[in-house]
Amino acid sequence: MRRSMKRRIGQLAILVVGIPVAAWALEEAARRTEAKKGPSATSRRLRQGAEWLGHLGQGPLATRLRRSRAATTVTRTGGPRP
């Protein structure tokens, strides 16, 4: 019973942490490739892999890593400070 529980926890850890981190890494690699060379076949494939893995990820980490950076920008209102 204990061995199967450890195995199940390991599987859950891969699902909750490993897959979203791998999807994020592929997305970052695609961004770096596009920054160097512009849009290319390599960057398209990296993005496809990131999207595919992103659909498999579950949990709060996957949600945070999927958010676009533009959606998390902070803007200050009220004008410049004196």
PDB file of N, CA and C in Angstrom:
ATOM      1  N   MET A   1       0.825  -1.184   0.000  1.00  0.00           N
ATOM      2  CA  MET A   1       0.000   0.000   0.000  1.00  0.00           C
ATOM      3  C   MET A   1       0.873   1.252   0.000  1.00  0.00           C
ATOM      4  N   ARG A   2       1.901   1.253   0.777  1.00  0.00           N
ATOM      5  CA  ARG A   2       2.762   2.424   0.876  1.00  0.00           C
ATOM      6  C   ARG A   2       3.510   2.685  -0.426  1.00  0.00           C
ATOM      7  N   ARG A   3       3.951   1.634  -1.085  1.00  0.00           N
ATOM      8  CA  ARG A   3       4.687   1.786  -2.331  1.00  0.00           C
ATOM      9  C   ARG A   3       3.791   2.388  -3.419  1.00  0.00           C
ATOM     10  N   SER A   4       2.559   1.927  -3.500  1.00  0.00           N
ATOM     11  CA  SER A   4       1.656   2.461  -4.519  1.00  0.00           C
ATOM     12  C   SER A   4       1.305   3.919  -4.226  1.00  0.00           C
ATOM     13  N   MET A   5       1.259   4.281  -2.958  1.00  0.00           N
ATOM     14  CA  MET A   5       0.966   5.663  -2.596  1.00  0.00           C
ATOM     15  C   MET A   5       2.121   6.581  -3.025  1.00  0.00           C
ATOM     16  N   LYS A   6       3.361   6.155  -2.821  1.00  0.00           N
ATOM     17  CA  LYS A   6       4.515   6.948  -3.241  1.00  0.00           C
ATOM     18  C   LYS A   6       4.551   7.101  -4.761  1.00  0.00           C
ATOM     19  N   ARG A   7       4.223   6.018  -5.448  1.00  0.00           N
ATOM     20  CA  ARG A   7       4.208   6.079  -6.897  1.00  0.00           C
ATOM     21  C   ARG A   7       3.134   7.049  -7.380  1.00  0.00           C
ATOM     22  N   ARG A   8       1.980   7.020  -6.749  1.00  0.00           N
ATOM     23  CA  ARG A   8       0.886   7.908  -7.116  1.00  0.00           C
ATOM     24  C   ARG A   8       1.251   9.378  -6.849  1.00  0.00           C
ATOM     25  N   ILE A   9       1.927   9.635  -5.747  1.00  0.00           N
ATOM     26  CA  ILE A   9       2.364  10.993  -5.432  1.00  0.00           C
ATOM     27  C   ILE A   9       3.385  11.469  -6.466  1.00  0.00           C
ATOM     28  N   GLY A  10       4.273  10.590  -6.885  1.00  0.00           N
ATOM     29  CA  GLY A  10       5.244  10.934  -7.917  1.00  0.00           C
ATOM     30  C   GLY A  10       4.576  11.270  -9.239  1.00  0.00           C
ATOM     31  N   GLN A  11       3.572  10.504  -9.613  1.00  0.00           N
ATOM     32  CA  GLN A  11       2.837  10.784 -10.843  1.00  0.00           C
ATOM     33  C   GLN A  11       2.117  12.123 -10.757  1.00  0.00           C
ATOM     34  N   LEU A  12       1.548  12.389  -9.612  1.00  0.00           N
ATOM     35  CA  LEU A  12       0.842  13.648  -9.411  1.00  0.00           C
ATOM     36  C   LEU A  12       1.806  14.834  -9.466  1.00  0.00           C
ATOM     37  N   ALA A  13       2.999  14.661  -8.897  1.00  0.00           N
ATOM     38  CA  ALA A  13       4.000  15.731  -8.928  1.00  0.00           C
ATOM     39  C   ALA A  13       4.418  16.046 -10.354  1.00  0.00           C
ATOM     40  N   ILE A  14       4.578  15.039 -11.170  1.00  0.00           N
ATOM     41  CA  ILE A  14       4.931  15.262 -12.574  1.00  0.00           C
ATOM     42  C   ILE A  14       3.808  16.007 -13.277  1.00  0.00           C
ATOM     43  N   LEU A  15       2.584  15.644 -13.010  1.00  0.00           N
ATOM     44  CA  LEU A  15       1.447  16.274 -13.655  1.00  0.00           C
ATOM     45  C   LEU A  15       1.278  17.720 -13.221  1.00  0.00           C
ATOM     46  N   VAL A  16       1.433  17.981 -11.937  1.00  0.00           N
ATOM     47  CA  VAL A  16       1.151  19.307 -11.400  1.00  0.00           C
ATOM     48  C   VAL A  16       2.322  20.268 -11.567  1.00  0.00           C
ATOM     49  N   VAL A  17       3.561  19.776 -11.493  1.00  0.00           N
ATOM     50  CA  VAL A  17       4.729  20.661 -11.545  1.00  0.00           C
ATOM     51  C   VAL A  17       5.527  20.478 -12.829  1.00  0.00           C
ATOM     52  N   GLY A  18       5.836  19.278 -13.178  1.00  0.00           N
ATOM     53  CA  GLY A  18       6.742  19.024 -14.296  1.00  0.00           C
ATOM     54  C   GLY A  18       6.232  19.449 -15.649  1.00  0.00           C
ATOM     55  N   ILE A  19       4.997  19.133 -15.961  1.00  0.00           N
ATOM     56  CA  ILE A  19       4.460  19.451 -17.277  1.00  0.00           C
ATOM     57  C   ILE A  19       4.325  20.958 -17.491  1.00  0.00           C
ATOM     58  N   PRO A  20       3.761  21.714 -16.525  1.00  0.00           N
ATOM     59  CA  PRO A  20       3.696  23.167 -16.743  1.00  0.00           C
ATOM     60  C   PRO A  20       5.072  23.829 -16.873  1.00  0.00           C
ATOM     61  N   VAL A  21       6.041  23.354 -16.116  1.00  0.00           N
ATOM     62  CA  VAL A  21       7.385  23.923 -16.217  1.00  0.00           C
ATOM     63  C   VAL A  21       7.991  23.606 -17.583  1.00  0.00           C
ATOM     64  N   ALA A  22       7.763  22.408 -18.093  1.00  0.00           N
ATOM     65  CA  ALA A  22       8.264  22.054 -19.419  1.00  0.00           C
ATOM     66  C   ALA A  22       7.591  22.905 -20.498  1.00  0.00           C
ATOM     67  N   ALA A  23       6.291  23.138 -20.375  1.00  0.00           N
ATOM     68  CA  ALA A  23       5.582  23.990 -21.334  1.00  0.00           C
ATOM     69  C   ALA A  23       6.122  25.414 -21.281  1.00  0.00           C
ATOM     70  N   TRP A  24       6.366  25.919 -20.086  1.00  0.00           N
ATOM     71  CA  TRP A  24       6.920  27.265 -19.937  1.00  0.00           C
ATOM     72  C   TRP A  24       8.314  27.345 -20.566  1.00  0.00           C
ATOM     73  N   ALA A  25       9.134  26.310 -20.360  1.00  0.00           N
ATOM     74  CA  ALA A  25      10.487  26.301 -20.928  1.00  0.00           C
ATOM     75  C   ALA A  25      10.438  26.306 -22.456  1.00  0.00           C
ATOM     76  N   LEU A  26       9.517  25.548 -23.039  1.00  0.00           N
ATOM     77  CA  LEU A  26       9.382  25.547 -24.498  1.00  0.00           C
ATOM     78  C   LEU A  26       8.928  26.917 -25.004  1.00  0.00           C
ATOM     79  N   GLU A  27       8.016  27.550 -24.287  1.00  0.00           N
ATOM     80  CA  GLU A  27       7.548  28.878 -24.679  1.00  0.00           C
ATOM     81  C   GLU A  27       8.692  29.895 -24.625  1.00  0.00           C
ATOM     82  N   GLU A  28       9.492  29.833 -23.578  1.00  0.00           N
ATOM     83  CA  GLU A  28      10.639  30.737 -23.463  1.00  0.00           C
ATOM     84  C   GLU A  28      11.662  30.482 -24.569  1.00  0.00           C
ATOM     85  N   ALA A  29      11.887  29.221 -24.907  1.00  0.00           N
ATOM     86  CA  ALA A  29      12.818  28.898 -25.992  1.00  0.00           C
ATOM     87  C   ALA A  29      12.299  29.449 -27.318  1.00  0.00           C
ATOM     88  N   ALA A  30      10.999  29.369 -27.541  1.00  0.00           N
ATOM     89  CA  ALA A  30      10.408  29.922 -28.765  1.00  0.00           C
ATOM     90  C   ALA A  30      10.601  31.438 -28.802  1.00  0.00           C
ATOM     91  N   ARG A  31      10.420  32.112 -27.669  1.00  0.00           N
ATOM     92  CA  ARG A  31      10.622  33.560 -27.630  1.00  0.00           C
ATOM     93  C   ARG A  31      12.060  33.936 -27.927  1.00  0.00           C
ATOM     94  N   ARG A  32      13.004  33.193 -27.348  1.00  0.00           N
ATOM     95  CA  ARG A  32      14.415  33.487 -27.610  1.00  0.00           C
ATOM     96  C   ARG A  32      14.759  33.258 -29.079  1.00  0.00           C
ATOM     97  N   THR A  33      14.220  32.195 -29.656  1.00  0.00           N
ATOM     98  CA  THR A  33      14.482  31.900 -31.068  1.00  0.00           C
ATOM     99  C   THR A  33      13.917  32.997 -31.955  1.00  0.00           C
ATOM    100  N   GLU A  34      12.706  33.461 -31.639  1.00  0.00           N
ATOM    101  CA  GLU A  34      12.109  34.537 -32.439  1.00  0.00           C
ATOM    102  C   GLU A  34      12.865  35.846 -32.271  1.00  0.00           C
ATOM    103  N   ALA A  35      13.404  36.093 -31.083  1.00  0.00           N
ATOM    104  CA  ALA A  35      14.154  37.324 -30.862  1.00  0.00           C
ATOM    105  C   ALA A  35      15.446  37.331 -31.680  1.00  0.00           C
ATOM    106  N   LYS A  36      16.061  36.168 -31.849  1.00  0.00           N
ATOM    107  CA  LYS A  36      17.312  36.082 -32.604  1.00  0.00           C
ATOM    108  C   LYS A  36      17.075  36.093 -34.107  1.00  0.00           C
ATOM    109  N   LYS A  37      16.168  35.239 -34.577  1.00  0.00           N
ATOM    110  CA  LYS A  37      16.031  35.001 -36.012  1.00  0.00           C
ATOM    111  C   LYS A  37      14.706  35.486 -36.592  1.00  0.00           C
ATOM    112  N   GLY A  38      13.790  35.911 -35.767  1.00  0.00           N
ATOM    113  CA  GLY A  38      12.450  36.223 -36.262  1.00  0.00           C
ATOM    114  C   GLY A  38      11.633  34.939 -36.328  1.00  0.00           C
ATOM    115  N   PRO A  39      10.399  35.023 -36.813  1.00  0.00           N
ATOM    116  CA  PRO A  39       9.566  33.819 -36.904  1.00  0.00           C
ATOM    117  C   PRO A  39      10.220  32.763 -37.797  1.00  0.00           C
ATOM    118  N   SER A  40      10.274  31.543 -37.301  1.00  0.00           N
ATOM    119  CA  SER A  40      10.880  30.458 -38.069  1.00  0.00           C
ATOM    120  C   SER A  40      10.138  29.158 -37.787  1.00  0.00           C
ATOM    121  N   ALA A  41      10.501  28.128 -38.524  1.00  0.00           N
ATOM    122  CA  ALA A  41       9.877  26.816 -38.329  1.00  0.00           C
ATOM    123  C   ALA A  41      10.185  26.276 -36.939  1.00  0.00           C
ATOM    124  N   THR A  42      11.382  26.545 -36.458  1.00  0.00           N
ATOM    125  CA  THR A  42      11.773  26.075 -35.126  1.00  0.00           C
ATOM    126  C   THR A  42      10.917  26.720 -34.046  1.00  0.00           C
ATOM    127  N   SER A  43      10.716  28.008 -34.129  1.00  0.00           N
ATOM    128  CA  SER A  43       9.914  28.678 -33.106  1.00  0.00           C
ATOM    129  C   SER A  43       8.459  28.228 -33.164  1.00  0.00           C
ATOM    130  N   ARG A  44       7.937  27.969 -34.377  1.00  0.00           N
ATOM    131  CA  ARG A  44       6.557  27.471 -34.488  1.00  0.00           C
ATOM    132  C   ARG A  44       6.415  26.104 -33.849  1.00  0.00           C
ATOM    133  N   ARG A  45       7.396  25.241 -34.049  1.00  0.00           N
ATOM    134  CA  ARG A  45       7.335  23.907 -33.443  1.00  0.00           C
ATOM    135  C   ARG A  45       7.458  23.970 -31.919  1.00  0.00           C
ATOM    136  N   LEU A  46       8.314  24.859 -31.437  1.00  0.00           N
ATOM    137  CA  LEU A  46       8.441  25.027 -29.988  1.00  0.00           C
ATOM    138  C   LEU A  46       7.134  25.520 -29.383  1.00  0.00           C
ATOM    139  N   ARG A  47       6.480  26.454 -30.047  1.00  0.00           N
ATOM    140  CA  ARG A  47       5.190  26.954 -29.550  1.00  0.00           C
ATOM    141  C   ARG A  47       4.114  25.874 -29.599  1.00  0.00           C
ATOM    142  N   GLN A  48       4.122  25.053 -30.648  1.00  0.00           N
ATOM    143  CA  GLN A  48       3.158  23.955 -30.725  1.00  0.00           C
ATOM    144  C   GLN A  48       3.351  22.987 -29.562  1.00  0.00           C
ATOM    145  N   GLY A  49       4.611  22.679 -29.265  1.00  0.00           N
ATOM    146  CA  GLY A  49       4.896  21.786 -28.145  1.00  0.00           C
ATOM    147  C   GLY A  49       4.474  22.395 -26.817  1.00  0.00           C
ATOM    148  N   ALA A  50       4.686  23.699 -26.662  1.00  0.00           N
ATOM    149  CA  ALA A  50       4.290  24.379 -25.427  1.00  0.00           C
ATOM    150  C   ALA A  50       2.777  24.368 -25.268  1.00  0.00           C
ATOM    151  N   GLU A  51       2.050  24.603 -26.346  1.00  0.00           N
ATOM    152  CA  GLU A  51       0.589  24.579 -26.273  1.00  0.00           C
ATOM    153  C   GLU A  51       0.088  23.183 -25.945  1.00  0.00           C
ATOM    154  N   TRP A  52       0.672  22.177 -26.585  1.00  0.00           N
ATOM    155  CA  TRP A  52       0.233  20.806 -26.341  1.00  0.00           C
ATOM    156  C   TRP A  52       0.473  20.411 -24.885  1.00  0.00           C
ATOM    157  N   LEU A  53       1.658  20.705 -24.377  1.00  0.00           N
ATOM    158  CA  LEU A  53       1.951  20.394 -22.979  1.00  0.00           C
ATOM    159  C   LEU A  53       1.106  21.238 -22.028  1.00  0.00           C
ATOM    160  N   GLY A  54       0.845  22.476 -22.408  1.00  0.00           N
ATOM    161  CA  GLY A  54       0.053  23.349 -21.566  1.00  0.00           C
ATOM    162  C   GLY A  54      -1.355  22.829 -21.342  1.00  0.00           C
ATOM    163  N   HIS A  55      -1.900  22.115 -22.318  1.00  0.00           N
ATOM    164  CA  HIS A  55      -3.233  21.554 -22.149  1.00  0.00           C
ATOM    165  C   HIS A  55      -3.232  20.371 -21.191  1.00  0.00           C
ATOM    166  N   LEU A  56      -2.092  19.739 -21.012  1.00  0.00           N
ATOM    167  CA  LEU A  56      -2.015  18.605 -20.101  1.00  0.00           C
ATOM    168  C   LEU A  56      -1.828  19.031 -18.646  1.00  0.00           C
ATOM    169  N   GLY A  57      -1.220  20.183 -18.450  1.00  0.00           N
ATOM    170  CA  GLY A  57      -0.940  20.652 -17.092  1.00  0.00           C
ATOM    171  C   GLY A  57      -2.198  21.038 -16.343  1.00  0.00           C
ATOM    172  N   GLN A  58      -2.176  20.825 -15.028  1.00  0.00           N
ATOM    173  CA  GLN A  58      -3.310  21.156 -14.178  1.00  0.00           C
ATOM    174  C   GLN A  58      -2.792  21.832 -12.928  1.00  0.00           C
ATOM    175  N   GLY A  59      -3.641  22.595 -12.296  1.00  0.00           N
ATOM    176  CA  GLY A  59      -3.293  23.177 -11.013  1.00  0.00           C
ATOM    177  C   GLY A  59      -2.906  24.642 -11.093  1.00  0.00           C
ATOM    178  N   PRO A  60      -2.639  25.242  -9.937  1.00  0.00           N
ATOM    179  CA  PRO A  60      -2.361  26.668  -9.889  1.00  0.00           C
ATOM    180  C   PRO A  60      -1.054  27.063 -10.578  1.00  0.00           C
ATOM    181  N   LEU A  61      -0.054  26.208 -10.564  1.00  0.00           N
ATOM    182  CA  LEU A  61       1.206  26.533 -11.234  1.00  0.00           C
ATOM    183  C   LEU A  61       1.000  26.630 -12.738  1.00  0.00           C
ATOM    184  N   ALA A  62       0.252  25.701 -13.296  1.00  0.00           N
ATOM    185  CA  ALA A  62      -0.020  25.717 -14.736  1.00  0.00           C
ATOM    186  C   ALA A  62      -0.776  26.981 -15.118  1.00  0.00           C
ATOM    187  N   THR A  63      -1.711  27.392 -14.293  1.00  0.00           N
ATOM    188  CA  THR A  63      -2.484  28.601 -14.565  1.00  0.00           C
ATOM    189  C   THR A  63      -1.587  29.821 -14.542  1.00  0.00           C
ATOM    190  N   ARG A  64      -0.704  29.916 -13.580  1.00  0.00           N
ATOM    191  CA  ARG A  64       0.197  31.065 -13.485  1.00  0.00           C
ATOM    192  C   ARG A  64       1.182  31.118 -14.639  1.00  0.00           C
ATOM    193  N   LEU A  65       1.685  29.976 -15.045  1.00  0.00           N
ATOM    194  CA  LEU A  65       2.668  29.955 -16.121  1.00  0.00           C
ATOM    195  C   LEU A  65       2.026  30.218 -17.476  1.00  0.00           C
ATOM    196  N   ARG A  66       0.734  29.933 -17.641  1.00  0.00           N
ATOM    197  CA  ARG A  66       0.052  30.160 -18.902  1.00  0.00           C
ATOM    198  C   ARG A  66      -0.314  31.614 -19.129  1.00  0.00           C
ATOM    199  N   ARG A  67      -0.392  32.402 -18.082  1.00  0.00           N
ATOM    200  CA  ARG A  67      -0.772  33.807 -18.234  1.00  0.00           C
ATOM    201  C   ARG A  67       0.250  34.535 -19.088  1.00  0.00           C
ATOM    202  N   SER A  68      -0.249  35.398 -19.946  1.00  0.00           N
ATOM    203  CA  SER A  68       0.677  36.171 -20.770  1.00  0.00           C
ATOM    204  C   SER A  68       1.293  37.281 -19.925  1.00  0.00           C
ATOM    205  N   ARG A  69       2.461  37.706 -20.313  1.00  0.00           N
ATOM    206  CA  ARG A  69       3.136  38.755 -19.549  1.00  0.00           C
ATOM    207  C   ARG A  69       2.404  40.083 -19.677  1.00  0.00           C
ATOM    208  N   ALA A  70       1.751  40.324 -20.807  1.00  0.00           N
ATOM    209  CA  ALA A  70       1.015  41.577 -20.990  1.00  0.00           C
ATOM    210  C   ALA A  70      -0.152  41.662 -20.015  1.00  0.00           C
ATOM    211  N   ALA A  71      -0.721  40.536 -19.652  1.00  0.00           N
ATOM    212  CA  ALA A  71      -1.862  40.533 -18.737  1.00  0.00           C
ATOM    213  C   ALA A  71      -1.428  40.805 -17.301  1.00  0.00           C
ATOM    214  N   THR A  72      -0.151  40.652 -17.010  1.00  0.00           N
ATOM    215  CA  THR A  72       0.310  40.827 -15.636  1.00  0.00           C
ATOM    216  C   THR A  72       1.082  42.127 -15.431  1.00  0.00           C
ATOM    217  N   THR A  73       1.048  43.028 -16.416  1.00  0.00           N
ATOM    218  CA  THR A  73       1.770  44.281 -16.256  1.00  0.00           C
ATOM    219  C   THR A  73       1.026  45.193 -15.288  1.00  0.00           C
ATOM    220  N   VAL A  74       1.774  45.971 -14.557  1.00  0.00           N
ATOM    221  CA  VAL A  74       1.200  46.886 -13.579  1.00  0.00           C
ATOM    222  C   VAL A  74       1.348  48.295 -14.108  1.00  0.00           C
ATOM    223  N   THR A  75       0.255  49.021 -14.118  1.00  0.00           N
ATOM    224  CA  THR A  75       0.312  50.411 -14.562  1.00  0.00           C
ATOM    225  C   THR A  75      -0.022  51.321 -13.395  1.00  0.00           C
ATOM    226  N   ARG A  76       0.685  52.394 -13.302  1.00  0.00           N
ATOM    227  CA  ARG A  76       0.456  53.341 -12.226  1.00  0.00           C
ATOM    228  C   ARG A  76      -0.464  54.446 -12.727  1.00  0.00           C
ATOM    229  N   THR A  77      -1.445  54.786 -11.931  1.00  0.00           N
ATOM    230  CA  THR A  77      -2.377  55.853 -12.306  1.00  0.00           C
ATOM    231  C   THR A  77      -2.152  57.048 -11.388  1.00  0.00           C
ATOM    232  N   GLY A  78      -2.617  58.190 -11.809  1.00  0.00           N
ATOM    233  CA  GLY A  78      -2.491  59.374 -10.976  1.00  0.00           C
ATOM    234  C   GLY A  78      -1.372  60.300 -11.411  1.00  0.00           C
ATOM    235  N   GLY A  79      -0.662  59.977 -12.457  1.00  0.00           N
ATOM    236  CA  GLY A  79       0.379  60.860 -12.955  1.00  0.00           C
ATOM    237  C   GLY A  79       1.699  60.688 -12.231  1.00  0.00           C
ATOM    238  N   PRO A  80       2.694  61.479 -12.614  1.00  0.00           N
ATOM    239  CA  PRO A  80       4.026  61.356 -12.018  1.00  0.00           C
ATOM    240  C   PRO A  80       4.060  61.889 -10.585  1.00  0.00           C
ATOM    241  N   ARG A  81       4.928  61.328  -9.808  1.00  0.00           N
ATOM    242  CA  ARG A  81       5.100  61.772  -8.425  1.00  0.00           C
ATOM    243  C   ARG A  81       5.973  63.017  -8.387  1.00  0.00           C
ATOM    244  N   PRO A  82       5.701  63.929  -7.467  1.00  0.00           N
ATOM    245  CA  PRO A  82       6.531  65.152  -7.377  1.00  0.00           C
ATOM    246  C   PRO A  82       7.900  64.881  -6.822  1.00  0.00           C
TER     247      PRO A  82
END
